[in-house]
């Protein structure tokens, strides 16, 4: 299930690791995508609960992209942590004292964010875009548009077995059904 509060805290963690607590939004969205992909690899689930899509500059998380572009469904959680800057950058608006302040994230998810930041956080924004274009076989050039990336394709790129792919995709379908049922009660 997508959680704006959780994604905002994921972004806050990654921004806090950068010089000046700031980075280009395209770099942030790529780091968040890689964190979700790592979540599938090591935990068996998407940390954000978001829907991955292919876009011209590579794979992104759909609802997270809307947040970063300034179109949140409910801006409270995002706006608490993240601030838009000039030149297509975002920065950490509300510094946190310790990772315990990021109460939407479990320790294993913080570890994944740390790993992703250590591997990719020093890359320049468009070097990271190029990396994802070349290394993420689940991404297909949408020729100026966008289209969904299946969880199965992400898992195939990660080298998961057919049984693992089936188990994870079944769990994803169940979670999405639960999410829709909960949304209909509101």
C-alpha atoms as a PDB file:
ATOM      1  CA  UNK A   1       0.000   0.000   0.000  1.00  0.00           C
ATOM      2  CA  UNK A   2       1.387   3.377  -0.993  1.00  0.00           C
ATOM      3  CA  UNK A   3       2.167   5.643   1.928  1.00  0.00           C
ATOM      4  CA  UNK A   4       2.993   9.274   1.274  1.00  0.00           C
ATOM      5  CA  UNK A   5       4.321   9.577   4.837  1.00  0.00           C
ATOM      6  CA  UNK A   6       6.671   6.643   4.320  1.00  0.00           C
ATOM      7  CA  UNK A   7       7.946   7.918   0.971  1.00  0.00           C
ATOM      8  CA  UNK A   8       8.476  11.369   2.500  1.00  0.00           C
ATOM      9  CA  UNK A   9      10.594   9.795   5.244  1.00  0.00           C
ATOM     10  CA  UNK A  10      12.514   7.727   2.686  1.00  0.00           C
ATOM     11  CA  UNK A  11      13.242  10.952   0.795  1.00  0.00           C
ATOM     12  CA  UNK A  12      14.184  12.750   4.021  1.00  0.00           C
ATOM     13  CA  UNK A  13      16.681  10.021   4.880  1.00  0.00           C
ATOM     14  CA  UNK A  14      18.315  10.166   1.443  1.00  0.00           C
ATOM     15  CA  UNK A  15      18.415  13.973   1.408  1.00  0.00           C
ATOM     16  CA  UNK A  16      20.054  14.031   4.843  1.00  0.00           C
ATOM     17  CA  UNK A  17      22.945  12.004   3.392  1.00  0.00           C
ATOM     18  CA  UNK A  18      23.680  14.575   0.670  1.00  0.00           C
ATOM     19  CA  UNK A  19      25.866  17.686   0.934  1.00  0.00           C
ATOM     20  CA  UNK A  20      23.622  20.573   1.947  1.00  0.00           C
ATOM     21  CA  UNK A  21      20.723  18.126   2.441  1.00  0.00           C
ATOM     22  CA  UNK A  22      19.744  18.815  -1.174  1.00  0.00           C
ATOM     23  CA  UNK A  23      19.808  17.126  -4.586  1.00  0.00           C
ATOM     24  CA  UNK A  24      18.192  17.300  -8.025  1.00  0.00           C
ATOM     25  CA  UNK A  25      14.730  15.773  -7.883  1.00  0.00           C
ATOM     26  CA  UNK A  26      15.588  13.397 -10.735  1.00  0.00           C
ATOM     27  CA  UNK A  27      18.385  11.932  -8.622  1.00  0.00           C
ATOM     28  CA  UNK A  28      16.062  11.546  -5.638  1.00  0.00           C
ATOM     29  CA  UNK A  29      13.424   9.728  -7.664  1.00  0.00           C
ATOM     30  CA  UNK A  30      16.067   7.359  -9.054  1.00  0.00           C
ATOM     31  CA  UNK A  31      17.428   6.607  -5.566  1.00  0.00           C
ATOM     32  CA  UNK A  32      13.885   5.924  -4.350  1.00  0.00           C
ATOM     33  CA  UNK A  33      13.294   3.583  -7.300  1.00  0.00           C
ATOM     34  CA  UNK A  34      16.524   1.717  -6.544  1.00  0.00           C
ATOM     35  CA  UNK A  35      15.509   1.440  -2.889  1.00  0.00           C
ATOM     36  CA  UNK A  36      12.182  -0.106  -3.861  1.00  0.00           C
ATOM     37  CA  UNK A  37      13.957  -2.480  -6.228  1.00  0.00           C
ATOM     38  CA  UNK A  38      16.342  -3.448  -3.419  1.00  0.00           C
ATOM     39  CA  UNK A  39      13.302  -4.016  -1.221  1.00  0.00           C
ATOM     40  CA  UNK A  40      11.991  -6.550  -3.715  1.00  0.00           C
ATOM     41  CA  UNK A  41      15.403  -8.200  -3.792  1.00  0.00           C
ATOM     42  CA  UNK A  42      16.100  -8.508  -0.072  1.00  0.00           C
ATOM     43  CA  UNK A  43      12.738  -8.170   1.688  1.00  0.00           C
ATOM     44  CA  UNK A  44      10.374  -9.427  -0.998  1.00  0.00           C
ATOM     45  CA  UNK A  45       8.281  -6.253  -1.155  1.00  0.00           C
ATOM     46  CA  UNK A  46       8.193  -2.651  -2.341  1.00  0.00           C
ATOM     47  CA  UNK A  47       9.078  -0.334   0.517  1.00  0.00           C
ATOM     48  CA  UNK A  48       6.993   2.532  -0.869  1.00  0.00           C
ATOM     49  CA  UNK A  49       4.061   0.461  -2.101  1.00  0.00           C
ATOM     50  CA  UNK A  50       4.180   2.584  -5.253  1.00  0.00           C
ATOM     51  CA  UNK A  51       3.679   1.575  -8.893  1.00  0.00           C
ATOM     52  CA  UNK A  52       6.853   1.564 -11.024  1.00  0.00           C
ATOM     53  CA  UNK A  53       6.630   3.011 -14.525  1.00  0.00           C
ATOM     54  CA  UNK A  54       8.940   3.497 -17.496  1.00  0.00           C
ATOM     55  CA  UNK A  55       9.403   7.145 -18.405  1.00  0.00           C
ATOM     56  CA  UNK A  56      11.803   8.811 -20.867  1.00  0.00           C
ATOM     57  CA  UNK A  57      14.475   9.367 -18.193  1.00  0.00           C
ATOM     58  CA  UNK A  58      14.210   5.812 -16.871  1.00  0.00           C
ATOM     59  CA  UNK A  59      12.158   3.955 -14.297  1.00  0.00           C
ATOM     60  CA  UNK A  60      10.324   5.929 -11.609  1.00  0.00           C
ATOM     61  CA  UNK A  61       7.730   5.352  -8.915  1.00  0.00           C
ATOM     62  CA  UNK A  62       4.475   6.823 -10.232  1.00  0.00           C
ATOM     63  CA  UNK A  63       2.888   8.386  -7.135  1.00  0.00           C
ATOM     64  CA  UNK A  64       6.288   9.391  -5.786  1.00  0.00           C
ATOM     65  CA  UNK A  65       6.945  11.202  -9.061  1.00  0.00           C
ATOM     66  CA  UNK A  66       3.707  13.137  -8.520  1.00  0.00           C
ATOM     67  CA  UNK A  67       4.859  14.092  -5.009  1.00  0.00           C
ATOM     68  CA  UNK A  68       8.204  15.347  -6.230  1.00  0.00           C
ATOM     69  CA  UNK A  69       6.621  17.254  -9.111  1.00  0.00           C
ATOM     70  CA  UNK A  70       4.382  19.032  -6.582  1.00  0.00           C
ATOM     71  CA  UNK A  71       1.132  17.157  -7.128  1.00  0.00           C
ATOM     72  CA  UNK A  72       0.567  15.288  -3.862  1.00  0.00           C
ATOM     73  CA  UNK A  73      -2.883  13.912  -3.098  1.00  0.00           C
ATOM     74  CA  UNK A  74      -2.459  15.057   0.502  1.00  0.00           C
ATOM     75  CA  UNK A  75       0.610  17.266   0.868  1.00  0.00           C
ATOM     76  CA  UNK A  76       0.909  17.292   4.670  1.00  0.00           C
ATOM     77  CA  UNK A  77       3.426  14.463   5.097  1.00  0.00           C
ATOM     78  CA  UNK A  78       5.508  15.404   2.067  1.00  0.00           C
ATOM     79  CA  UNK A  79       5.537  19.108   2.882  1.00  0.00           C
ATOM     80  CA  UNK A  80       6.599  18.406   6.470  1.00  0.00           C
ATOM     81  CA  UNK A  81       9.895  16.858   5.315  1.00  0.00           C
ATOM     82  CA  UNK A  82      10.625  18.106   1.797  1.00  0.00           C
ATOM     83  CA  UNK A  83      11.034  21.565   0.283  1.00  0.00           C
ATOM     84  CA  UNK A  84      11.236  22.521  -3.401  1.00  0.00           C
ATOM     85  CA  UNK A  85      14.326  24.474  -4.378  1.00  0.00           C
ATOM     86  CA  UNK A  86      15.397  26.302  -7.522  1.00  0.00           C
ATOM     87  CA  UNK A  87      16.897  24.488 -10.517  1.00  0.00           C
ATOM     88  CA  UNK A  88      14.820  21.319 -10.158  1.00  0.00           C
ATOM     89  CA  UNK A  89      16.222  20.483  -6.726  1.00  0.00           C
ATOM     90  CA  UNK A  90      14.591  19.417  -3.484  1.00  0.00           C
ATOM     91  CA  UNK A  91      15.947  19.723   0.028  1.00  0.00           C
ATOM     92  CA  UNK A  92      15.301  18.496   3.530  1.00  0.00           C
ATOM     93  CA  UNK A  93      12.878  20.924   5.165  1.00  0.00           C
ATOM     94  CA  UNK A  94      12.731  19.355   8.633  1.00  0.00           C
ATOM     95  CA  UNK A  95      15.971  17.787   9.835  1.00  0.00           C
ATOM     96  CA  UNK A  96      15.576  14.817  12.136  1.00  0.00           C
ATOM     97  CA  UNK A  97      17.584  14.032  15.255  1.00  0.00           C
ATOM     98  CA  UNK A  98      17.905  10.279  14.721  1.00  0.00           C
ATOM     99  CA  UNK A  99      16.524   7.585  12.437  1.00  0.00           C
ATOM    100  CA  UNK A 100      14.028   6.758  15.188  1.00  0.00           C
ATOM    101  CA  UNK A 101      12.280   9.999  14.168  1.00  0.00           C
ATOM    102  CA  UNK A 102      11.563   8.287  10.833  1.00  0.00           C
ATOM    103  CA  UNK A 103       8.872   6.158  12.424  1.00  0.00           C
ATOM    104  CA  UNK A 104       7.334   4.949   9.156  1.00  0.00           C
ATOM    105  CA  UNK A 105      10.515   2.988   8.358  1.00  0.00           C
ATOM    106  CA  UNK A 106      11.588  -0.262   9.986  1.00  0.00           C
ATOM    107  CA  UNK A 107      15.309  -0.910  10.648  1.00  0.00           C
ATOM    108  CA  UNK A 108      15.625  -3.225   7.615  1.00  0.00           C
ATOM    109  CA  UNK A 109      14.246  -0.474   5.364  1.00  0.00           C
ATOM    110  CA  UNK A 110      16.677   2.073   6.819  1.00  0.00           C
ATOM    111  CA  UNK A 111      19.471  -0.425   6.102  1.00  0.00           C
ATOM    112  CA  UNK A 112      18.332  -0.638   2.457  1.00  0.00           C
ATOM    113  CA  UNK A 113      18.245   3.143   2.155  1.00  0.00           C
ATOM    114  CA  UNK A 114      21.759   3.254   3.604  1.00  0.00           C
ATOM    115  CA  UNK A 115      22.977   0.623   1.130  1.00  0.00           C
ATOM    116  CA  UNK A 116      21.413   2.404  -1.850  1.00  0.00           C
ATOM    117  CA  UNK A 117      22.906   5.713  -0.752  1.00  0.00           C
ATOM    118  CA  UNK A 118      26.354   4.151  -0.317  1.00  0.00           C
ATOM    119  CA  UNK A 119      26.228   2.549  -3.781  1.00  0.00           C
ATOM    120  CA  UNK A 120      24.593   5.336  -5.781  1.00  0.00           C
ATOM    121  CA  UNK A 121      24.325   8.483  -3.652  1.00  0.00           C
ATOM    122  CA  UNK A 122      27.572  10.018  -4.894  1.00  0.00           C
ATOM    123  CA  UNK A 123      26.636   9.662  -8.569  1.00  0.00           C
ATOM    124  CA  UNK A 124      25.679  12.766 -10.525  1.00  0.00           C
ATOM    125  CA  UNK A 125      21.985  12.922 -11.419  1.00  0.00           C
ATOM    126  CA  UNK A 126      22.253  12.135 -15.122  1.00  0.00           C
ATOM    127  CA  UNK A 127      24.987   9.552 -14.597  1.00  0.00           C
ATOM    128  CA  UNK A 128      22.422   7.786 -12.416  1.00  0.00           C
ATOM    129  CA  UNK A 129      19.797   8.150 -15.157  1.00  0.00           C
ATOM    130  CA  UNK A 130      22.220   6.573 -17.651  1.00  0.00           C
ATOM    131  CA  UNK A 131      23.046   3.801 -15.192  1.00  0.00           C
ATOM    132  CA  UNK A 132      19.374   2.887 -14.785  1.00  0.00           C
ATOM    133  CA  UNK A 133      18.837   2.996 -18.566  1.00  0.00           C
ATOM    134  CA  UNK A 134      21.672   0.509 -19.031  1.00  0.00           C
ATOM    135  CA  UNK A 135      21.327  -1.725 -15.973  1.00  0.00           C
ATOM    136  CA  UNK A 136      17.587  -1.990 -15.299  1.00  0.00           C
ATOM    137  CA  UNK A 137      16.317  -4.349 -17.978  1.00  0.00           C
ATOM    138  CA  UNK A 138      12.760  -3.898 -16.708  1.00  0.00           C
ATOM    139  CA  UNK A 139      12.847  -0.333 -18.117  1.00  0.00           C
ATOM    140  CA  UNK A 140      11.776   0.051 -21.725  1.00  0.00           C
ATOM    141  CA  UNK A 141      11.943   3.365 -23.578  1.00  0.00           C
ATOM    142  CA  UNK A 142       8.360   4.673 -23.680  1.00  0.00           C
ATOM    143  CA  UNK A 143       9.156   7.053 -26.572  1.00  0.00           C
ATOM    144  CA  UNK A 144       8.003  10.199 -24.804  1.00  0.00           C
ATOM    145  CA  UNK A 145       5.176   8.581 -22.885  1.00  0.00           C
ATOM    146  CA  UNK A 146       5.053   6.239 -19.895  1.00  0.00           C
ATOM    147  CA  UNK A 147       3.846   2.737 -19.159  1.00  0.00           C
ATOM    148  CA  UNK A 148       3.792   0.393 -16.166  1.00  0.00           C
ATOM    149  CA  UNK A 149       6.714  -1.813 -15.188  1.00  0.00           C
ATOM    150  CA  UNK A 150       5.556  -5.166 -13.895  1.00  0.00           C
ATOM    151  CA  UNK A 151       6.835  -6.460 -10.584  1.00  0.00           C
ATOM    152  CA  UNK A 152       7.601  -9.722 -12.394  1.00  0.00           C
ATOM    153  CA  UNK A 153       9.976  -7.877 -14.753  1.00  0.00           C
ATOM    154  CA  UNK A 154      11.771  -6.260 -11.805  1.00  0.00           C
ATOM    155  CA  UNK A 155      12.129  -9.650 -10.141  1.00  0.00           C
ATOM    156  CA  UNK A 156      13.393 -11.233 -13.383  1.00  0.00           C
ATOM    157  CA  UNK A 157      16.034  -8.509 -13.622  1.00  0.00           C
ATOM    158  CA  UNK A 158      17.043  -9.398 -10.054  1.00  0.00           C
ATOM    159  CA  UNK A 159      17.506 -13.043 -11.073  1.00  0.00           C
ATOM    160  CA  UNK A 160      14.623 -14.409  -9.004  1.00  0.00           C
ATOM    161  CA  UNK A 161      13.253 -17.886  -9.704  1.00  0.00           C
ATOM    162  CA  UNK A 162       9.809 -18.406 -11.217  1.00  0.00           C
ATOM    163  CA  UNK A 163       8.550 -19.592  -7.822  1.00  0.00           C
ATOM    164  CA  UNK A 164       9.878 -16.463  -6.080  1.00  0.00           C
ATOM    165  CA  UNK A 165       8.332 -14.275  -8.767  1.00  0.00           C
ATOM    166  CA  UNK A 166       4.989 -16.024  -8.376  1.00  0.00           C
ATOM    167  CA  UNK A 167       5.044 -15.677  -4.575  1.00  0.00           C
ATOM    168  CA  UNK A 168       5.951 -11.984  -4.597  1.00  0.00           C
ATOM    169  CA  UNK A 169       3.496 -11.047  -7.346  1.00  0.00           C
ATOM    170  CA  UNK A 170       0.696 -12.950  -5.582  1.00  0.00           C
ATOM    171  CA  UNK A 171       1.441 -11.090  -2.345  1.00  0.00           C
ATOM    172  CA  UNK A 172       1.492  -7.783  -4.278  1.00  0.00           C
ATOM    173  CA  UNK A 173      -1.949  -8.544  -5.763  1.00  0.00           C
ATOM    174  CA  UNK A 174      -3.296  -9.344  -2.293  1.00  0.00           C
ATOM    175  CA  UNK A 175      -1.887  -6.109  -0.851  1.00  0.00           C
ATOM    176  CA  UNK A 176      -3.297  -4.045  -3.718  1.00  0.00           C
ATOM    177  CA  UNK A 177      -6.723  -5.666  -3.224  1.00  0.00           C
ATOM    178  CA  UNK A 178      -6.562  -4.882   0.480  1.00  0.00           C
ATOM    179  CA  UNK A 179      -5.513  -1.320  -0.336  1.00  0.00           C
ATOM    180  CA  UNK A 180      -8.500  -0.894  -2.671  1.00  0.00           C
ATOM    181  CA  UNK A 181     -10.874  -2.358  -0.089  1.00  0.00           C
ATOM    182  CA  UNK A 182      -9.572   0.008   2.593  1.00  0.00           C
ATOM    183  CA  UNK A 183      -9.830   2.985   0.236  1.00  0.00           C
ATOM    184  CA  UNK A 184     -13.461   2.151  -0.520  1.00  0.00           C
ATOM    185  CA  UNK A 185     -14.272   2.373   3.203  1.00  0.00           C
ATOM    186  CA  UNK A 186     -13.112   5.987   3.453  1.00  0.00           C
END
